[in-house]
Amino acid sequence: MAKGFEEDVMEKISQGKDIQKLDIPITRYFWQSGPFGSSSSDNIPKFIRKISVLKNFSDNELRIFSKYLHHRTFSNGEIIFKQGNIGIGFYIILSGQVDIAVEKDNGQSFEDNGKESLVLTLERFDYFGELALLQENSIRNASAYAKENCNLLGFFKPDLDEMIEEYPVVATKLLQSISMIIANRLFSVTGELRKLKNHIVKLEGENVQSGQR
C-alpha cells in the first residue's frame, strides 16, 4: 500500500531533515496582502486573511503564522493521510478539493475497489486535521485524499512547538482558534446525535402503537 504524505513528513522529521517552510519575505508579504497585491489564487497572504479560523489575527500575526506554513501540490488520488495512522498536521485547502473517507467494516482501503465510504468533500478555504496539533500521538479517524490536483498549506506539530518558543502570543491565539474548531464540530455532532435519538424514539413509539392495534 502506498504511503501517505504525512508518513513521509514524519519519517523526515525523525531523521532530523528540514521540511521547507513557506517563509515569505516581510516586504513581499505586506505588498501581496495590501490593496495593490494580486487577487490571484496563489496570493497566500490575501488567502489566509480570508480563513475564518484566523479572523482574530492581526496582519502581523498572520505574517508570523505564514512563516511556519508548508506549501505542497498533490495530484489526483494522492494520499494525504490514512485512517489509523498517527497525525502530525493541520491543513488548509489553497485550491482544489480533498475527499475525507472512512474504512468500511471489512477494513479495506479506499484505493482497493472503493472499500471506504466517502464522508465529505472539502474545498478551497476549508481546513482539516486540527486534532493532531492538540493531541500527542493523535490517531487519524479518517483518511484524506487529493481530488484532482490540489494545493494545501500544512502546519505540523513541530512547527507549533517552535512557534510556542518564538512567538508564544501567536501560538496561544492559534491554539484558541483550533480549540474553537473542535468545540464547534463537537457541538454539531452532538446536535446530529440528538436528532437521531429523537428519530429512534419516535420510530419506537410508532412500532408500539402499531403492535397495540
C-alpha atoms as a PDB file:
ATOM      1  CA  MET A   1       0.000   0.000   0.000  1.00  0.00           C
ATOM      2  CA  ALA A   2       1.291   3.468  -0.914  1.00  0.00           C
ATOM      3  CA  LYS A   3       2.495   5.662   1.913  1.00  0.00           C
ATOM      4  CA  GLY A   4       0.680   8.863   2.705  1.00  0.00           C
ATOM      5  CA  PHE A   5       2.213  12.326   2.666  1.00  0.00           C
ATOM      6  CA  GLU A   6       2.151  12.556   6.467  1.00  0.00           C
ATOM      7  CA  GLU A   7       4.114   9.327   6.796  1.00  0.00           C
ATOM      8  CA  ASP A   8       6.850  10.826   4.616  1.00  0.00           C
ATOM      9  CA  VAL A   9       6.857  14.018   6.701  1.00  0.00           C
ATOM     10  CA  MET A  10       7.118  12.074   9.966  1.00  0.00           C
ATOM     11  CA  GLU A  11       9.950   9.980   8.552  1.00  0.00           C
ATOM     12  CA  LYS A  12      11.906  13.096   7.525  1.00  0.00           C
ATOM     13  CA  ILE A  13      11.332  14.727  10.914  1.00  0.00           C
ATOM     14  CA  SER A  14      12.507  11.589  12.734  1.00  0.00           C
ATOM     15  CA  GLN A  15      15.668  11.663  10.612  1.00  0.00           C
ATOM     16  CA  GLY A  16      16.287  15.304  11.522  1.00  0.00           C
ATOM     17  CA  LYS A  17      15.653  16.530   7.979  1.00  0.00           C
ATOM     18  CA  ASP A  18      14.199  20.000   7.409  1.00  0.00           C
ATOM     19  CA  ILE A  19      10.763  20.377   5.834  1.00  0.00           C
ATOM     20  CA  GLN A  20      10.899  23.530   3.727  1.00  0.00           C
ATOM     21  CA  LYS A  21       8.666  26.316   5.025  1.00  0.00           C
ATOM     22  CA  LEU A  22       6.893  28.996   3.034  1.00  0.00           C
ATOM     23  CA  ASP A  23       8.545  31.945   4.893  1.00  0.00           C
ATOM     24  CA  ILE A  24       7.606  34.808   2.518  1.00  0.00           C
ATOM     25  CA  PRO A  25       9.958  37.813   2.901  1.00  0.00           C
ATOM     26  CA  ILE A  26       8.315  40.530   5.006  1.00  0.00           C
ATOM     27  CA  THR A  27       8.307  43.195   2.245  1.00  0.00           C
ATOM     28  CA  ARG A  28       6.749  40.856  -0.313  1.00  0.00           C
ATOM     29  CA  TYR A  29       4.231  39.564   2.247  1.00  0.00           C
ATOM     30  CA  PHE A  30       2.822  43.003   3.034  1.00  0.00           C
ATOM     31  CA  TRP A  31       2.885  44.018  -0.638  1.00  0.00           C
ATOM     32  CA  GLN A  32       0.845  40.948  -1.597  1.00  0.00           C
ATOM     33  CA  SER A  33      -1.571  41.396   1.302  1.00  0.00           C
ATOM     34  CA  GLY A  34      -2.114  45.095   0.556  1.00  0.00           C
ATOM     35  CA  PRO A  35      -4.515  46.817  -1.866  1.00  0.00           C
ATOM     36  CA  PHE A  36      -2.028  46.614  -4.745  1.00  0.00           C
ATOM     37  CA  GLY A  37      -1.418  42.896  -4.318  1.00  0.00           C
ATOM     38  CA  SER A  38      -2.784  40.485  -6.882  1.00  0.00           C
ATOM     39  CA  SER A  39      -6.067  38.699  -6.145  1.00  0.00           C
ATOM     40  CA  SER A  40      -4.897  35.510  -7.869  1.00  0.00           C
ATOM     41  CA  SER A  41      -5.447  32.132  -6.209  1.00  0.00           C
ATOM     42  CA  ASP A  42      -1.752  31.786  -5.384  1.00  0.00           C
ATOM     43  CA  ASN A  43      -1.631  35.014  -3.325  1.00  0.00           C
ATOM     44  CA  ILE A  44      -1.188  33.325   0.063  1.00  0.00           C
ATOM     45  CA  PRO A  45      -1.161  36.499   2.239  1.00  0.00           C
ATOM     46  CA  LYS A  46      -4.586  37.536   0.921  1.00  0.00           C
ATOM     47  CA  PHE A  47      -5.810  33.952   1.074  1.00  0.00           C
ATOM     48  CA  ILE A  48      -5.056  33.352   4.760  1.00  0.00           C
ATOM     49  CA  ARG A  49      -6.720  36.666   5.678  1.00  0.00           C
ATOM     50  CA  LYS A  50      -9.988  35.065   4.459  1.00  0.00           C
ATOM     51  CA  ILE A  51      -9.685  31.916   6.607  1.00  0.00           C
ATOM     52  CA  SER A  52     -12.464  32.149   9.192  1.00  0.00           C
ATOM     53  CA  VAL A  53     -10.495  30.442  11.960  1.00  0.00           C
ATOM     54  CA  LEU A  54      -7.799  33.139  11.656  1.00  0.00           C
ATOM     55  CA  LYS A  55     -10.176  36.118  11.650  1.00  0.00           C
ATOM     56  CA  ASN A  56      -8.952  37.412  15.024  1.00  0.00           C
ATOM     57  CA  PHE A  57      -5.306  37.566  13.922  1.00  0.00           C
ATOM     58  CA  SER A  58      -3.689  40.908  13.166  1.00  0.00           C
ATOM     59  CA  ASP A  59      -1.865  41.360   9.855  1.00  0.00           C
ATOM     60  CA  ASN A  60       1.497  40.887  11.553  1.00  0.00           C
ATOM     61  CA  GLU A  61       0.278  37.782  13.430  1.00  0.00           C
ATOM     62  CA  LEU A  62      -0.865  36.309  10.125  1.00  0.00           C
ATOM     63  CA  ARG A  63       2.565  37.050   8.666  1.00  0.00           C
ATOM     64  CA  ILE A  64       4.210  35.254  11.583  1.00  0.00           C
ATOM     65  CA  PHE A  65       1.849  32.287  11.157  1.00  0.00           C
ATOM     66  CA  SER A  66       2.635  32.135   7.424  1.00  0.00           C
ATOM     67  CA  LYS A  67       6.357  31.739   8.220  1.00  0.00           C
ATOM     68  CA  TYR A  68       5.629  28.262   9.567  1.00  0.00           C
ATOM     69  CA  LEU A  69       3.414  27.066   6.719  1.00  0.00           C
ATOM     70  CA  HIS A  70       4.409  24.435   4.165  1.00  0.00           C
ATOM     71  CA  HIS A  71       3.035  24.550   0.619  1.00  0.00           C
ATOM     72  CA  ARG A  72       2.504  21.286  -1.246  1.00  0.00           C
ATOM     73  CA  THR A  73       0.785  20.367  -4.542  1.00  0.00           C
ATOM     74  CA  PHE A  74      -0.986  16.984  -4.619  1.00  0.00           C
ATOM     75  CA  SER A  75      -2.038  15.006  -7.668  1.00  0.00           C
ATOM     76  CA  ASN A  76      -5.416  13.340  -8.128  1.00  0.00           C
ATOM     77  CA  GLY A  77      -5.922  10.452  -5.681  1.00  0.00           C
ATOM     78  CA  GLU A  78      -2.714  11.105  -3.743  1.00  0.00           C
ATOM     79  CA  ILE A  79      -2.892  10.104  -0.087  1.00  0.00           C
ATOM     80  CA  ILE A  80      -2.543  12.972   2.372  1.00  0.00           C
ATOM     81  CA  PHE A  81      -3.005  10.776   5.431  1.00  0.00           C
ATOM     82  CA  LYS A  82      -4.521   7.394   6.253  1.00  0.00           C
ATOM     83  CA  GLN A  83      -7.050   6.354   8.853  1.00  0.00           C
ATOM     84  CA  GLY A  84      -5.350   4.662  11.801  1.00  0.00           C
ATOM     85  CA  ASN A  85      -2.025   6.447  11.329  1.00  0.00           C
ATOM     86  CA  ILE A  86      -0.600   8.951  13.791  1.00  0.00           C
ATOM     87  CA  GLY A  87      -1.466  12.507  12.729  1.00  0.00           C
ATOM     88  CA  ILE A  88       1.015  15.350  12.680  1.00  0.00           C
ATOM     89  CA  GLY A  89      -0.510  18.093  10.531  1.00  0.00           C
ATOM     90  CA  PHE A  90      -3.260  20.680  10.187  1.00  0.00           C
ATOM     91  CA  TYR A  91      -4.163  21.561   6.588  1.00  0.00           C
ATOM     92  CA  ILE A  92      -5.844  24.451   4.778  1.00  0.00           C
ATOM     93  CA  ILE A  93      -7.019  24.000   1.173  1.00  0.00           C
ATOM     94  CA  LEU A  94      -5.496  26.703  -1.028  1.00  0.00           C
ATOM     95  CA  SER A  95      -7.042  25.287  -4.217  1.00  0.00           C
ATOM     96  CA  GLY A  96      -8.770  22.123  -5.404  1.00  0.00           C
ATOM     97  CA  GLN A  97     -10.671  19.581  -3.321  1.00  0.00           C
ATOM     98  CA  VAL A  98      -9.958  16.906  -0.711  1.00  0.00           C
ATOM     99  CA  ASP A  99     -12.036  13.767  -0.086  1.00  0.00           C
ATOM    100  CA  ILE A 100     -12.455  12.554   3.503  1.00  0.00           C
ATOM    101  CA  ALA A 101     -13.299   8.842   3.752  1.00  0.00           C
ATOM    102  CA  VAL A 102     -13.641   6.180   6.458  1.00  0.00           C
ATOM    103  CA  GLU A 103     -12.986   2.468   6.264  1.00  0.00           C
ATOM    104  CA  LYS A 104     -15.892   0.092   5.939  1.00  0.00           C
ATOM    105  CA  ASP A 105     -16.258  -2.792   8.386  1.00  0.00           C
ATOM    106  CA  ASN A 106     -14.057  -5.089   6.332  1.00  0.00           C
ATOM    107  CA  GLY A 107     -11.085  -2.771   6.903  1.00  0.00           C
ATOM    108  CA  GLN A 108     -10.236  -2.477   3.218  1.00  0.00           C
ATOM    109  CA  SER A 109      -8.829   0.792   1.911  1.00  0.00           C
ATOM    110  CA  PHE A 110     -10.197   3.497  -0.379  1.00  0.00           C
ATOM    111  CA  GLU A 111      -7.992   2.536  -3.287  1.00  0.00           C
ATOM    112  CA  ASP A 112      -8.949  -1.160  -3.038  1.00  0.00           C
ATOM    113  CA  ASN A 113     -12.076  -1.099  -5.191  1.00  0.00           C
ATOM    114  CA  GLY A 114     -13.873   1.552  -3.198  1.00  0.00           C
ATOM    115  CA  LYS A 115     -13.822  -0.212   0.173  1.00  0.00           C
ATOM    116  CA  GLU A 116     -14.073   3.089   2.031  1.00  0.00           C
ATOM    117  CA  SER A 117     -17.100   5.305   2.379  1.00  0.00           C
ATOM    118  CA  LEU A 118     -16.834   8.929   1.298  1.00  0.00           C
ATOM    119  CA  VAL A 119     -17.840  11.178   4.198  1.00  0.00           C
ATOM    120  CA  LEU A 120     -17.493  14.594   2.586  1.00  0.00           C
ATOM    121  CA  THR A 121     -15.531  16.624   0.070  1.00  0.00           C
ATOM    122  CA  LEU A 122     -13.711  19.743   1.272  1.00  0.00           C
ATOM    123  CA  GLU A 123     -12.964  22.778  -0.918  1.00  0.00           C
ATOM    124  CA  ARG A 124     -10.917  25.994  -1.013  1.00  0.00           C
ATOM    125  CA  PHE A 125     -10.788  27.764   2.387  1.00  0.00           C
ATOM    126  CA  ASP A 126     -11.769  24.556   4.239  1.00  0.00           C
ATOM    127  CA  TYR A 127      -9.377  23.085   6.820  1.00  0.00           C
ATOM    128  CA  PHE A 128      -8.916  19.670   8.426  1.00  0.00           C
ATOM    129  CA  GLY A 129      -6.613  17.579  10.623  1.00  0.00           C
ATOM    130  CA  GLU A 130      -6.503  20.079  13.514  1.00  0.00           C
ATOM    131  CA  LEU A 131      -6.784  17.479  16.288  1.00  0.00           C
ATOM    132  CA  ALA A 132      -3.212  16.364  15.565  1.00  0.00           C
ATOM    133  CA  LEU A 133      -1.933  19.667  16.952  1.00  0.00           C
ATOM    134  CA  LEU A 134      -3.672  19.249  20.307  1.00  0.00           C
ATOM    135  CA  GLN A 135      -3.309  15.521  20.964  1.00  0.00           C
ATOM    136  CA  GLU A 136       0.008  13.743  21.417  1.00  0.00           C
ATOM    137  CA  ASN A 137       0.170  10.746  19.049  1.00  0.00           C
ATOM    138  CA  SER A 138      -3.308  11.556  17.732  1.00  0.00           C
ATOM    139  CA  ILE A 139      -4.714   8.701  15.625  1.00  0.00           C
ATOM    140  CA  ARG A 140      -6.447   9.704  12.399  1.00  0.00           C
ATOM    141  CA  ASN A 141     -10.095   8.600  12.430  1.00  0.00           C
ATOM    142  CA  ALA A 142     -10.474   9.065   8.665  1.00  0.00           C
ATOM    143  CA  SER A 143      -8.374   9.181   5.506  1.00  0.00           C
ATOM    144  CA  ALA A 144      -7.776  12.233   3.312  1.00  0.00           C
ATOM    145  CA  TYR A 145      -7.172  12.070  -0.457  1.00  0.00           C
ATOM    146  CA  ALA A 146      -6.477  14.760  -3.022  1.00  0.00           C
ATOM    147  CA  LYS A 147      -9.312  15.123  -5.516  1.00  0.00           C
ATOM    148  CA  GLU A 148      -7.913  16.170  -8.868  1.00  0.00           C
ATOM    149  CA  ASN A 149      -4.887  18.424  -8.393  1.00  0.00           C
ATOM    150  CA  CYS A 150      -4.969  20.460  -5.198  1.00  0.00           C
ATOM    151  CA  ASN A 151      -2.709  22.778  -3.226  1.00  0.00           C
ATOM    152  CA  LEU A 152      -2.532  22.589   0.556  1.00  0.00           C
ATOM    153  CA  LEU A 153      -0.928  24.695   3.241  1.00  0.00           C
ATOM    154  CA  GLY A 154       0.306  22.462   6.057  1.00  0.00           C
ATOM    155  CA  PHE A 155       1.220  23.285   9.639  1.00  0.00           C
ATOM    156  CA  PHE A 156       2.855  20.495  11.649  1.00  0.00           C
ATOM    157  CA  LYS A 157       3.221  19.702  15.354  1.00  0.00           C
ATOM    158  CA  PRO A 158       6.960  20.603  15.384  1.00  0.00           C
ATOM    159  CA  ASP A 159       6.014  23.982  13.843  1.00  0.00           C
ATOM    160  CA  LEU A 160       3.648  24.594  16.754  1.00  0.00           C
ATOM    161  CA  ASP A 161       6.344  23.659  19.282  1.00  0.00           C
ATOM    162  CA  GLU A 162       8.747  26.082  17.578  1.00  0.00           C
ATOM    163  CA  MET A 163       6.134  28.834  17.465  1.00  0.00           C
ATOM    164  CA  ILE A 164       5.402  28.423  21.185  1.00  0.00           C
ATOM    165  CA  GLU A 165       9.087  29.082  21.870  1.00  0.00           C
ATOM    166  CA  GLU A 166       9.492  32.004  19.456  1.00  0.00           C
ATOM    167  CA  TYR A 167       6.048  33.656  19.348  1.00  0.00           C
ATOM    168  CA  PRO A 168       4.010  32.472  22.370  1.00  0.00           C
ATOM    169  CA  VAL A 169       1.245  35.066  21.880  1.00  0.00           C
ATOM    170  CA  VAL A 170       0.612  33.976  18.279  1.00  0.00           C
ATOM    171  CA  ALA A 171       0.798  30.303  19.288  1.00  0.00           C
ATOM    172  CA  THR A 172      -1.769  30.897  22.046  1.00  0.00           C
ATOM    173  CA  LYS A 173      -4.183  32.574  19.613  1.00  0.00           C
ATOM    174  CA  LEU A 174      -3.744  29.694  17.160  1.00  0.00           C
ATOM    175  CA  LEU A 175      -4.446  27.093  19.857  1.00  0.00           C
ATOM    176  CA  GLN A 176      -7.536  29.039  20.928  1.00  0.00           C
ATOM    177  CA  SER A 177      -8.769  29.100  17.332  1.00  0.00           C
ATOM    178  CA  ILE A 178      -8.136  25.376  16.856  1.00  0.00           C
ATOM    179  CA  SER A 179      -9.898  24.601  20.147  1.00  0.00           C
ATOM    180  CA  MET A 180     -12.887  26.572  18.851  1.00  0.00           C
ATOM    181  CA  ILE A 181     -12.935  24.486  15.646  1.00  0.00           C
ATOM    182  CA  ILE A 182     -13.044  21.284  17.681  1.00  0.00           C
ATOM    183  CA  ALA A 183     -15.709  22.649  20.043  1.00  0.00           C
ATOM    184  CA  ASN A 184     -17.911  23.695  17.105  1.00  0.00           C
ATOM    185  CA  ARG A 185     -17.539  20.312  15.434  1.00  0.00           C
ATOM    186  CA  LEU A 186     -18.343  18.517  18.687  1.00  0.00           C
ATOM    187  CA  PHE A 187     -21.436  20.716  19.078  1.00  0.00           C
ATOM    188  CA  SER A 188     -22.506  19.824  15.529  1.00  0.00           C
ATOM    189  CA  VAL A 189     -22.026  16.083  16.130  1.00  0.00           C
ATOM    190  CA  THR A 190     -23.937  16.299  19.427  1.00  0.00           C
ATOM    191  CA  GLY A 191     -26.810  18.002  17.609  1.00  0.00           C
ATOM    192  CA  GLU A 192     -26.915  15.277  14.964  1.00  0.00           C
ATOM    193  CA  LEU A 193     -26.889  12.557  17.647  1.00  0.00           C
ATOM    194  CA  ARG A 194     -29.768  14.293  19.440  1.00  0.00           C
ATOM    195  CA  LYS A 195     -31.791  14.342  16.210  1.00  0.00           C
ATOM    196  CA  LEU A 196     -31.008  10.673  15.616  1.00  0.00           C
ATOM    197  CA  LYS A 197     -32.042   9.745  19.159  1.00  0.00           C
ATOM    198  CA  ASN A 198     -35.341  11.644  18.805  1.00  0.00           C
ATOM    199  CA  HIS A 199     -35.988   9.898  15.490  1.00  0.00           C
ATOM    200  CA  ILE A 200     -35.352   6.476  17.048  1.00  0.00           C
ATOM    201  CA  VAL A 201     -37.680   7.263  19.978  1.00  0.00           C
ATOM    202  CA  LYS A 202     -40.358   8.345  17.512  1.00  0.00           C
ATOM    203  CA  LEU A 203     -39.997   5.145  15.479  1.00  0.00           C
ATOM    204  CA  GLU A 204     -40.144   3.015  18.634  1.00  0.00           C
ATOM    205  CA  GLY A 205     -43.335   4.816  19.671  1.00  0.00           C
ATOM    206  CA  GLU A 206     -44.908   4.193  16.260  1.00  0.00           C
ATOM    207  CA  ASN A 207     -43.958   0.482  16.458  1.00  0.00           C
ATOM    208  CA  VAL A 208     -45.570   0.180  19.905  1.00  0.00           C
ATOM    209  CA  GLN A 209     -48.762   1.810  18.645  1.00  0.00           C
ATOM    210  CA  SER A 210     -48.833  -0.497  15.609  1.00  0.00           C
ATOM    211  CA  GLY A 211     -48.464  -3.544  17.871  1.00  0.00           C
ATOM    212  CA  GLN A 212     -51.405  -2.455  20.012  1.00  0.00           C
ATOM    213  CA  ARG A 213     -53.800  -2.227  17.103  1.00  0.00           C
END
